[in-house]
Structure formats: structure tokens, C-alpha cells
Amino acid sequence: MNASPTETLLDLRGLACPMPVLKANRALRDMPPGAKLRILATDRASVADFQSYCRETGHALIAFTDTAGVLSFMIRRRAETSPS
């Protein structure tokens, strides 16, 4: 699942909504703040889904490409908030 020492690759090609976002959320929960997750998906709905997901969770969608129908998203995990 690892793409490089600084990013983790999650291949979700072939999965339909809402599975790509649910699996990415599970992966991000186990990653340290600032870590990068690259997601590969083929579901066109994933574009809007990941934009909304990042806006709602505070994670950063830092890159997006569409190459021959394979969508690639790079998400950086948000920094932990300090307890109030």
C-alpha cells in the first residue's frame, strides 16, 4: 500500500460511491498529522465527494489528476487540534 516514504497509496479503482471516501477516511484516521494519502479511483462521483470530504474534515486536497479515466487524489491529513 505504500507509494513512497512520504505518501501512502490507496488503490480504490472499481469501487463506487461511497466506498472510496469511506476507505480513505479509515486510512487517514491511522495516519499521523501532515501525512499524505494518494488515492486512485475510477468513480466519477469521487471528484465532488473528495472535495466535500476535505472541506468538511479539514484535510487538504492538494492535488487531483484524471489520466485515462483513473482519478488520482492527493490528500494531506490535517494537524490534530489541541483539546479545549
PDB file of N, CA and C in Angstrom:
ATOM      1  N   MET A   1       0.814  -1.190   0.000  1.00  0.00           N
ATOM      2  CA  MET A   1       0.000   0.000   0.000  1.00  0.00           C
ATOM      3  C   MET A   1       0.859   1.257   0.000  1.00  0.00           C
ATOM      4  N   ASN A   2       2.146   1.189   0.366  1.00  0.00           N
ATOM      5  CA  ASN A   2       2.980   2.395   0.409  1.00  0.00           C
ATOM      6  C   ASN A   2       3.514   2.746  -0.964  1.00  0.00           C
ATOM      7  N   ALA A   3       3.430   4.031  -1.330  1.00  0.00           N
ATOM      8  CA  ALA A   3       3.945   4.528  -2.595  1.00  0.00           C
ATOM      9  C   ALA A   3       5.358   5.063  -2.430  1.00  0.00           C
ATOM     10  N   SER A   4       5.657   5.693  -1.322  1.00  0.00           N
ATOM     11  CA  SER A   4       6.976   6.235  -1.019  1.00  0.00           C
ATOM     12  C   SER A   4       7.033   6.461   0.484  1.00  0.00           C
ATOM     13  N   PRO A   5       8.209   6.815   1.010  1.00  0.00           N
ATOM     14  CA  PRO A   5       8.283   7.056   2.456  1.00  0.00           C
ATOM     15  C   PRO A   5       7.403   8.216   2.925  1.00  0.00           C
ATOM     16  N   THR A   6       7.052   9.131   2.009  1.00  0.00           N
ATOM     17  CA  THR A   6       6.292  10.305   2.432  1.00  0.00           C
ATOM     18  C   THR A   6       4.817  10.251   2.066  1.00  0.00           C
ATOM     19  N   GLU A   7       4.411   9.220   1.318  1.00  0.00           N
ATOM     20  CA  GLU A   7       2.994   9.113   0.984  1.00  0.00           C
ATOM     21  C   GLU A   7       2.550   7.656   0.992  1.00  0.00           C
ATOM     22  N   THR A   8       1.277   7.463   1.228  1.00  0.00           N
ATOM     23  CA  THR A   8       0.672   6.140   1.212  1.00  0.00           C
ATOM     24  C   THR A   8      -0.265   6.074   0.016  1.00  0.00           C
ATOM     25  N   LEU A   9      -0.243   4.964  -0.694  1.00  0.00           N
ATOM     26  CA  LEU A   9      -1.097   4.770  -1.859  1.00  0.00           C
ATOM     27  C   LEU A   9      -2.274   3.884  -1.487  1.00  0.00           C
ATOM     28  N   LEU A  10      -3.470   4.324  -1.864  1.00  0.00           N
ATOM     29  CA  LEU A  10      -4.692   3.565  -1.627  1.00  0.00           C
ATOM     30  C   LEU A  10      -5.378   3.391  -2.979  1.00  0.00           C
ATOM     31  N   ASP A  11      -5.361   2.168  -3.509  1.00  0.00           N
ATOM     32  CA  ASP A  11      -5.931   1.888  -4.828  1.00  0.00           C
ATOM     33  C   ASP A  11      -7.384   1.465  -4.665  1.00  0.00           C
ATOM     34  N   LEU A  12      -8.296   2.349  -5.053  1.00  0.00           N
ATOM     35  CA  LEU A  12      -9.729   2.104  -4.902  1.00  0.00           C
ATOM     36  C   LEU A  12     -10.427   2.044  -6.256  1.00  0.00           C
ATOM     37  N   ARG A  13      -9.673   1.740  -7.298  1.00  0.00           N
ATOM     38  CA  ARG A  13     -10.265   1.641  -8.634  1.00  0.00           C
ATOM     39  C   ARG A  13     -11.327   0.548  -8.647  1.00  0.00           C
ATOM     40  N   GLY A  14     -12.449   0.859  -9.293  1.00  0.00           N
ATOM     41  CA  GLY A  14     -13.536  -0.104  -9.408  1.00  0.00           C
ATOM     42  C   GLY A  14     -14.587   0.011  -8.322  1.00  0.00           C
ATOM     43  N   LEU A  15     -14.300   0.748  -7.254  1.00  0.00           N
ATOM     44  CA  LEU A  15     -15.277   0.910  -6.177  1.00  0.00           C
ATOM     45  C   LEU A  15     -16.189   2.093  -6.474  1.00  0.00           C
ATOM     46  N   ALA A  16     -17.461   1.939  -6.118  1.00  0.00           N
ATOM     47  CA  ALA A  16     -18.448   3.001  -6.342  1.00  0.00           C
ATOM     48  C   ALA A  16     -18.723   3.745  -5.045  1.00  0.00           C
ATOM     49  N   CYS A  17     -19.262   4.946  -5.204  1.00  0.00           N
ATOM     50  CA  CYS A  17     -19.664   5.799  -4.086  1.00  0.00           C
ATOM     51  C   CYS A  17     -20.579   5.014  -3.144  1.00  0.00           C
ATOM     52  N   PRO A  18     -20.367   5.089  -1.855  1.00  0.00           N
ATOM     53  CA  PRO A  18     -19.489   5.966  -1.087  1.00  0.00           C
ATOM     54  C   PRO A  18     -18.180   5.306  -0.661  1.00  0.00           C
ATOM     55  N   MET A  19     -17.878   4.124  -1.202  1.00  0.00           N
ATOM     56  CA  MET A  19     -16.737   3.349  -0.713  1.00  0.00           C
ATOM     57  C   MET A  19     -15.383   4.063  -0.803  1.00  0.00           C
ATOM     58  N   PRO A  20     -15.049   4.768  -1.893  1.00  0.00           N
ATOM     59  CA  PRO A  20     -13.743   5.431  -1.902  1.00  0.00           C
ATOM     60  C   PRO A  20     -13.544   6.397  -0.731  1.00  0.00           C
ATOM     61  N   VAL A  21     -14.540   7.208  -0.429  1.00  0.00           N
ATOM     62  CA  VAL A  21     -14.407   8.165   0.677  1.00  0.00           C
ATOM     63  C   VAL A  21     -14.364   7.434   2.017  1.00  0.00           C
ATOM     64  N   LEU A  22     -15.175   6.411   2.188  1.00  0.00           N
ATOM     65  CA  LEU A  22     -15.179   5.670   3.456  1.00  0.00           C
ATOM     66  C   LEU A  22     -13.835   4.993   3.702  1.00  0.00           C
ATOM     67  N   LYS A  23     -13.267   4.370   2.677  1.00  0.00           N
ATOM     68  CA  LYS A  23     -11.972   3.697   2.838  1.00  0.00           C
ATOM     69  C   LYS A  23     -10.840   4.707   3.038  1.00  0.00           C
ATOM     70  N   ALA A  24     -10.913   5.840   2.351  1.00  0.00           N
ATOM     71  CA  ALA A  24      -9.901   6.882   2.544  1.00  0.00           C
ATOM     72  C   ALA A  24      -9.980   7.442   3.957  1.00  0.00           C
ATOM     73  N   ASN A  25     -11.184   7.647   4.453  1.00  0.00           N
ATOM     74  CA  ASN A  25     -11.360   8.151   5.813  1.00  0.00           C
ATOM     75  C   ASN A  25     -10.733   7.192   6.822  1.00  0.00           C
ATOM     76  N   ARG A  26     -10.960   5.907   6.645  1.00  0.00           N
ATOM     77  CA  ARG A  26     -10.385   4.904   7.549  1.00  0.00           C
ATOM     78  C   ARG A  26      -8.855   4.951   7.498  1.00  0.00           C
ATOM     79  N   ALA A  27      -8.303   5.077   6.296  1.00  0.00           N
ATOM     80  CA  ALA A  27      -6.845   5.132   6.152  1.00  0.00           C
ATOM     81  C   ALA A  27      -6.278   6.390   6.799  1.00  0.00           C
ATOM     82  N   LEU A  28      -6.920   7.531   6.586  1.00  0.00           N
ATOM     83  CA  LEU A  28      -6.431   8.794   7.146  1.00  0.00           C
ATOM     84  C   LEU A  28      -6.466   8.802   8.668  1.00  0.00           C
ATOM     85  N   ARG A  29      -7.430   8.136   9.261  1.00  0.00           N
ATOM     86  CA  ARG A  29      -7.513   8.083  10.733  1.00  0.00           C
ATOM     87  C   ARG A  29      -6.276   7.449  11.343  1.00  0.00           C
ATOM     88  N   ASP A  30      -5.660   6.507  10.613  1.00  0.00           N
ATOM     89  CA  ASP A  30      -4.496   5.790  11.126  1.00  0.00           C
ATOM     90  C   ASP A  30      -3.169   6.448  10.762  1.00  0.00           C
ATOM     91  N   MET A  31      -3.214   7.587  10.089  1.00  0.00           N
ATOM     92  CA  MET A  31      -2.001   8.263   9.648  1.00  0.00           C
ATOM     93  C   MET A  31      -1.679   9.443  10.564  1.00  0.00           C
ATOM     94  N   PRO A  32      -0.403   9.790  10.675  1.00  0.00           N
ATOM     95  CA  PRO A  32      -0.038  10.940  11.509  1.00  0.00           C
ATOM     96  C   PRO A  32      -0.401  12.258  10.828  1.00  0.00           C
ATOM     97  N   PRO A  33      -0.574  13.326  11.604  1.00  0.00           N
ATOM     98  CA  PRO A  33      -0.859  14.644  11.030  1.00  0.00           C
ATOM     99  C   PRO A  33       0.208  15.029  10.002  1.00  0.00           C
ATOM    100  N   GLY A  34      -0.239  15.587   8.891  1.00  0.00           N
ATOM    101  CA  GLY A  34       0.675  16.013   7.838  1.00  0.00           C
ATOM    102  C   GLY A  34       1.016  14.934   6.822  1.00  0.00           C
ATOM    103  N   ALA A  35       0.663  13.678   7.113  1.00  0.00           N
ATOM    104  CA  ALA A  35       0.954  12.585   6.184  1.00  0.00           C
ATOM    105  C   ALA A  35       0.111  12.740   4.924  1.00  0.00           C
ATOM    106  N   LYS A  36       0.626  12.201   3.816  1.00  0.00           N
ATOM    107  CA  LYS A  36      -0.069  12.316   2.533  1.00  0.00           C
ATOM    108  C   LYS A  36      -0.621  10.963   2.105  1.00  0.00           C
ATOM    109  N   LEU A  37      -1.844  10.995   1.597  1.00  0.00           N
ATOM    110  CA  LEU A  37      -2.510   9.802   1.085  1.00  0.00           C
ATOM    111  C   LEU A  37      -2.846  10.032  -0.380  1.00  0.00           C
ATOM    112  N   ARG A  38      -2.298   9.178  -1.259  1.00  0.00           N
ATOM    113  CA  ARG A  38      -2.652   9.232  -2.678  1.00  0.00           C
ATOM    114  C   ARG A  38      -3.717   8.164  -2.914  1.00  0.00           C
ATOM    115  N   ILE A  39      -4.828   8.584  -3.517  1.00  0.00           N
ATOM    116  CA  ILE A  39      -5.960   7.702  -3.760  1.00  0.00           C
ATOM    117  C   ILE A  39      -6.166   7.578  -5.257  1.00  0.00           C
ATOM    118  N   LEU A  40      -6.283   6.345  -5.743  1.00  0.00           N
ATOM    119  CA  LEU A  40      -6.631   6.094  -7.132  1.00  0.00           C
ATOM    120  C   LEU A  40      -8.063   5.597  -7.162  1.00  0.00           C
ATOM    121  N   ALA A  41      -8.891   6.197  -8.007  1.00  0.00           N
ATOM    122  CA  ALA A  41     -10.299   5.823  -8.098  1.00  0.00           C
ATOM    123  C   ALA A  41     -10.761   5.949  -9.542  1.00  0.00           C
ATOM    124  N   THR A  42     -11.871   5.280  -9.853  1.00  0.00           N
ATOM    125  CA  THR A  42     -12.450   5.373 -11.191  1.00  0.00           C
ATOM    126  C   THR A  42     -13.880   5.892 -11.161  1.00  0.00           C
ATOM    127  N   ASP A  43     -14.455   6.043  -9.999  1.00  0.00           N
ATOM    128  CA  ASP A  43     -15.827   6.545  -9.867  1.00  0.00           C
ATOM    129  C   ASP A  43     -15.825   8.062 -10.046  1.00  0.00           C
ATOM    130  N   ARG A  44     -16.492   8.559 -11.095  1.00  0.00           N
ATOM    131  CA  ARG A  44     -16.516   9.997 -11.383  1.00  0.00           C
ATOM    132  C   ARG A  44     -17.092  10.807 -10.227  1.00  0.00           C
ATOM    133  N   ALA A  45     -17.981  10.222  -9.441  1.00  0.00           N
ATOM    134  CA  ALA A  45     -18.560  10.937  -8.297  1.00  0.00           C
ATOM    135  C   ALA A  45     -17.507  11.233  -7.236  1.00  0.00           C
ATOM    136  N   SER A  46     -16.382  10.544  -7.285  1.00  0.00           N
ATOM    137  CA  SER A  46     -15.322  10.755  -6.295  1.00  0.00           C
ATOM    138  C   SER A  46     -14.777  12.176  -6.312  1.00  0.00           C
ATOM    139  N   VAL A  47     -14.820  12.830  -7.463  1.00  0.00           N
ATOM    140  CA  VAL A  47     -14.287  14.193  -7.559  1.00  0.00           C
ATOM    141  C   VAL A  47     -15.025  15.102  -6.583  1.00  0.00           C
ATOM    142  N   ALA A  48     -16.336  15.172  -6.696  1.00  0.00           N
ATOM    143  CA  ALA A  48     -17.133  16.007  -5.789  1.00  0.00           C
ATOM    144  C   ALA A  48     -17.100  15.461  -4.371  1.00  0.00           C
ATOM    145  N   ASP A  49     -17.081  14.134  -4.241  1.00  0.00           N
ATOM    146  CA  ASP A  49     -17.074  13.523  -2.907  1.00  0.00           C
ATOM    147  C   ASP A  49     -15.824  13.907  -2.122  1.00  0.00           C
ATOM    148  N   PHE A  50     -14.640  13.822  -2.744  1.00  0.00           N
ATOM    149  CA  PHE A  50     -13.407  14.151  -2.025  1.00  0.00           C
ATOM    150  C   PHE A  50     -13.277  15.650  -1.772  1.00  0.00           C
ATOM    151  N   GLN A  51     -13.788  16.475  -2.680  1.00  0.00           N
ATOM    152  CA  GLN A  51     -13.782  17.919  -2.423  1.00  0.00           C
ATOM    153  C   GLN A  51     -14.622  18.235  -1.185  1.00  0.00           C
ATOM    154  N   SER A  52     -15.806  17.676  -1.112  1.00  0.00           N
ATOM    155  CA  SER A  52     -16.690  17.899   0.042  1.00  0.00           C
ATOM    156  C   SER A  52     -16.096  17.312   1.310  1.00  0.00           C
ATOM    157  N   TYR A  53     -15.571  16.096   1.202  1.00  0.00           N
ATOM    158  CA  TYR A  53     -14.981  15.421   2.363  1.00  0.00           C
ATOM    159  C   TYR A  53     -13.860  16.272   2.964  1.00  0.00           C
ATOM    160  N   CYS A  54     -12.972  16.775   2.128  1.00  0.00           N
ATOM    161  CA  CYS A  54     -11.850  17.576   2.636  1.00  0.00           C
ATOM    162  C   CYS A  54     -12.333  18.894   3.233  1.00  0.00           C
ATOM    163  N   ARG A  55     -13.291  19.507   2.608  1.00  0.00           N
ATOM    164  CA  ARG A  55     -13.846  20.758   3.140  1.00  0.00           C
ATOM    165  C   ARG A  55     -14.458  20.526   4.523  1.00  0.00           C
ATOM    166  N   GLU A  56     -15.154  19.414   4.708  1.00  0.00           N
ATOM    167  CA  GLU A  56     -15.839  19.128   5.969  1.00  0.00           C
ATOM    168  C   GLU A  56     -14.907  18.633   7.070  1.00  0.00           C
ATOM    169  N   THR A  57     -13.822  17.956   6.715  1.00  0.00           N
ATOM    170  CA  THR A  57     -12.947  17.359   7.725  1.00  0.00           C
ATOM    171  C   THR A  57     -11.713  18.187   8.044  1.00  0.00           C
ATOM    172  N   GLY A  58     -11.371  19.133   7.172  1.00  0.00           N
ATOM    173  CA  GLY A  58     -10.171  19.928   7.398  1.00  0.00           C
ATOM    174  C   GLY A  58      -8.920  19.335   6.785  1.00  0.00           C
ATOM    175  N   HIS A  59      -9.027  18.148   6.157  1.00  0.00           N
ATOM    176  CA  HIS A  59      -7.892  17.603   5.416  1.00  0.00           C
ATOM    177  C   HIS A  59      -7.718  18.446   4.154  1.00  0.00           C
ATOM    178  N   ALA A  60      -6.528  18.451   3.587  1.00  0.00           N
ATOM    179  CA  ALA A  60      -6.254  19.277   2.407  1.00  0.00           C
ATOM    180  C   ALA A  60      -6.177  18.422   1.149  1.00  0.00           C
ATOM    181  N   LEU A  61      -7.008  18.745   0.167  1.00  0.00           N
ATOM    182  CA  LEU A  61      -6.908  18.120  -1.151  1.00  0.00           C
ATOM    183  C   LEU A  61      -5.858  18.928  -1.908  1.00  0.00           C
ATOM    184  N   ILE A  62      -4.644  18.392  -1.995  1.00  0.00           N
ATOM    185  CA  ILE A  62      -3.533  19.181  -2.527  1.00  0.00           C
ATOM    186  C   ILE A  62      -3.237  18.900  -4.000  1.00  0.00           C
ATOM    187  N   ALA A  63      -3.799  17.830  -4.558  1.00  0.00           N
ATOM    188  CA  ALA A  63      -3.596  17.550  -5.980  1.00  0.00           C
ATOM    189  C   ALA A  63      -4.706  16.645  -6.486  1.00  0.00           C
ATOM    190  N   PHE A  64      -5.026  16.822  -7.762  1.00  0.00           N
ATOM    191  CA  PHE A  64      -6.016  15.986  -8.427  1.00  0.00           C
ATOM    192  C   PHE A  64      -5.646  15.879  -9.896  1.00  0.00           C
ATOM    193  N   THR A  65      -5.645  14.656 -10.423  1.00  0.00           N
ATOM    194  CA  THR A  65      -5.435  14.452 -11.854  1.00  0.00           C
ATOM    195  C   THR A  65      -6.422  13.406 -12.357  1.00  0.00           C
ATOM    196  N   ASP A  66      -6.691  13.471 -13.644  1.00  0.00           N
ATOM    197  CA  ASP A  66      -7.537  12.492 -14.323  1.00  0.00           C
ATOM    198  C   ASP A  66      -6.751  12.024 -15.533  1.00  0.00           C
ATOM    199  N   THR A  67      -6.245  10.803 -15.481  1.00  0.00           N
ATOM    200  CA  THR A  67      -5.447  10.257 -16.565  1.00  0.00           C
ATOM    201  C   THR A  67      -6.121   9.003 -17.095  1.00  0.00           C
ATOM    202  N   ALA A  68      -6.661   9.102 -18.289  1.00  0.00           N
ATOM    203  CA  ALA A  68      -7.310   7.965 -18.948  1.00  0.00           C
ATOM    204  C   ALA A  68      -8.387   7.336 -18.063  1.00  0.00           C
ATOM    205  N   GLY A  69      -9.139   8.178 -17.370  1.00  0.00           N
ATOM    206  CA  GLY A  69     -10.234   7.683 -16.546  1.00  0.00           C
ATOM    207  C   GLY A  69      -9.852   7.252 -15.147  1.00  0.00           C
ATOM    208  N   VAL A  70      -8.563   7.306 -14.825  1.00  0.00           N
ATOM    209  CA  VAL A  70      -8.126   6.997 -13.458  1.00  0.00           C
ATOM    210  C   VAL A  70      -7.921   8.321 -12.730  1.00  0.00           C
ATOM    211  N   LEU A  71      -8.694   8.512 -11.692  1.00  0.00           N
ATOM    212  CA  LEU A  71      -8.629   9.731 -10.893  1.00  0.00           C
ATOM    213  C   LEU A  71      -7.598   9.541  -9.793  1.00  0.00           C
ATOM    214  N   SER A  72      -6.735  10.515  -9.626  1.00  0.00           N
ATOM    215  CA  SER A  72      -5.716  10.464  -8.581  1.00  0.00           C
ATOM    216  C   SER A  72      -5.889  11.687  -7.685  1.00  0.00           C
ATOM    217  N   PHE A  73      -6.069  11.432  -6.404  1.00  0.00           N
ATOM    218  CA  PHE A  73      -6.239  12.490  -5.414  1.00  0.00           C
ATOM    219  C   PHE A  73      -5.083  12.409  -4.430  1.00  0.00           C
ATOM    220  N   MET A  74      -4.517  13.554  -4.071  1.00  0.00           N
ATOM    221  CA  MET A  74      -3.514  13.603  -3.009  1.00  0.00           C
ATOM    222  C   MET A  74      -4.126  14.408  -1.869  1.00  0.00           C
ATOM    223  N   ILE A  75      -4.241  13.760  -0.712  1.00  0.00           N
ATOM    224  CA  ILE A  75      -4.822  14.408   0.466  1.00  0.00           C
ATOM    225  C   ILE A  75      -3.782  14.433   1.573  1.00  0.00           C
ATOM    226  N   ARG A  76      -3.614  15.596   2.192  1.00  0.00           N
ATOM    227  CA  ARG A  76      -2.724  15.723   3.351  1.00  0.00           C
ATOM    228  C   ARG A  76      -3.591  15.731   4.603  1.00  0.00           C
ATOM    229  N   ARG A  77      -3.246  14.848   5.536  1.00  0.00           N
ATOM    230  CA  ARG A  77      -4.009  14.747   6.779  1.00  0.00           C
ATOM    231  C   ARG A  77      -3.856  16.028   7.582  1.00  0.00           C
ATOM    232  N   ARG A  78      -4.951  16.474   8.141  1.00  0.00           N
ATOM    233  CA  ARG A  78      -4.948  17.718   8.924  1.00  0.00           C
ATOM    234  C   ARG A  78      -4.117  17.539  10.193  1.00  0.00           C
ATOM    235  N   ALA A  79      -3.680  18.667  10.719  1.00  0.00           N
ATOM    236  CA  ALA A  79      -2.989  18.664  12.007  1.00  0.00           C
ATOM    237  C   ALA A  79      -4.018  18.403  13.093  1.00  0.00           C
ATOM    238  N   GLU A  80      -3.599  17.737  14.121  1.00  0.00           N
ATOM    239  CA  GLU A  80      -4.505  17.486  15.249  1.00  0.00           C
ATOM    240  C   GLU A  80      -4.819  18.803  15.939  1.00  0.00           C
ATOM    241  N   THR A  81      -6.039  18.937  16.379  1.00  0.00           N
ATOM    242  CA  THR A  81      -6.405  20.124  17.146  1.00  0.00           C
ATOM    243  C   THR A  81      -6.140  19.842  18.615  1.00  0.00           C
ATOM    244  N   SER A  82      -5.723  20.858  19.317  1.00  0.00           N
ATOM    245  CA  SER A  82      -5.460  20.667  20.743  1.00  0.00           C
ATOM    246  C   SER A  82      -6.776  20.622  21.505  1.00  0.00           C
ATOM    247  N   PRO A  83      -6.835  19.823  22.573  1.00  0.00           N
ATOM    248  CA  PRO A  83      -8.071  19.734  23.353  1.00  0.00           C
ATOM    249  C   PRO A  83      -8.428  21.079  23.977  1.00  0.00           C
ATOM    250  N   SER A  84      -9.716  21.365  24.026  1.00  0.00           N
ATOM    251  CA  SER A  84     -10.180  22.645  24.594  1.00  0.00           C
ATOM    252  C   SER A  84     -10.165  22.623  26.097  1.00  0.00           C
TER     253      SER A  84
END
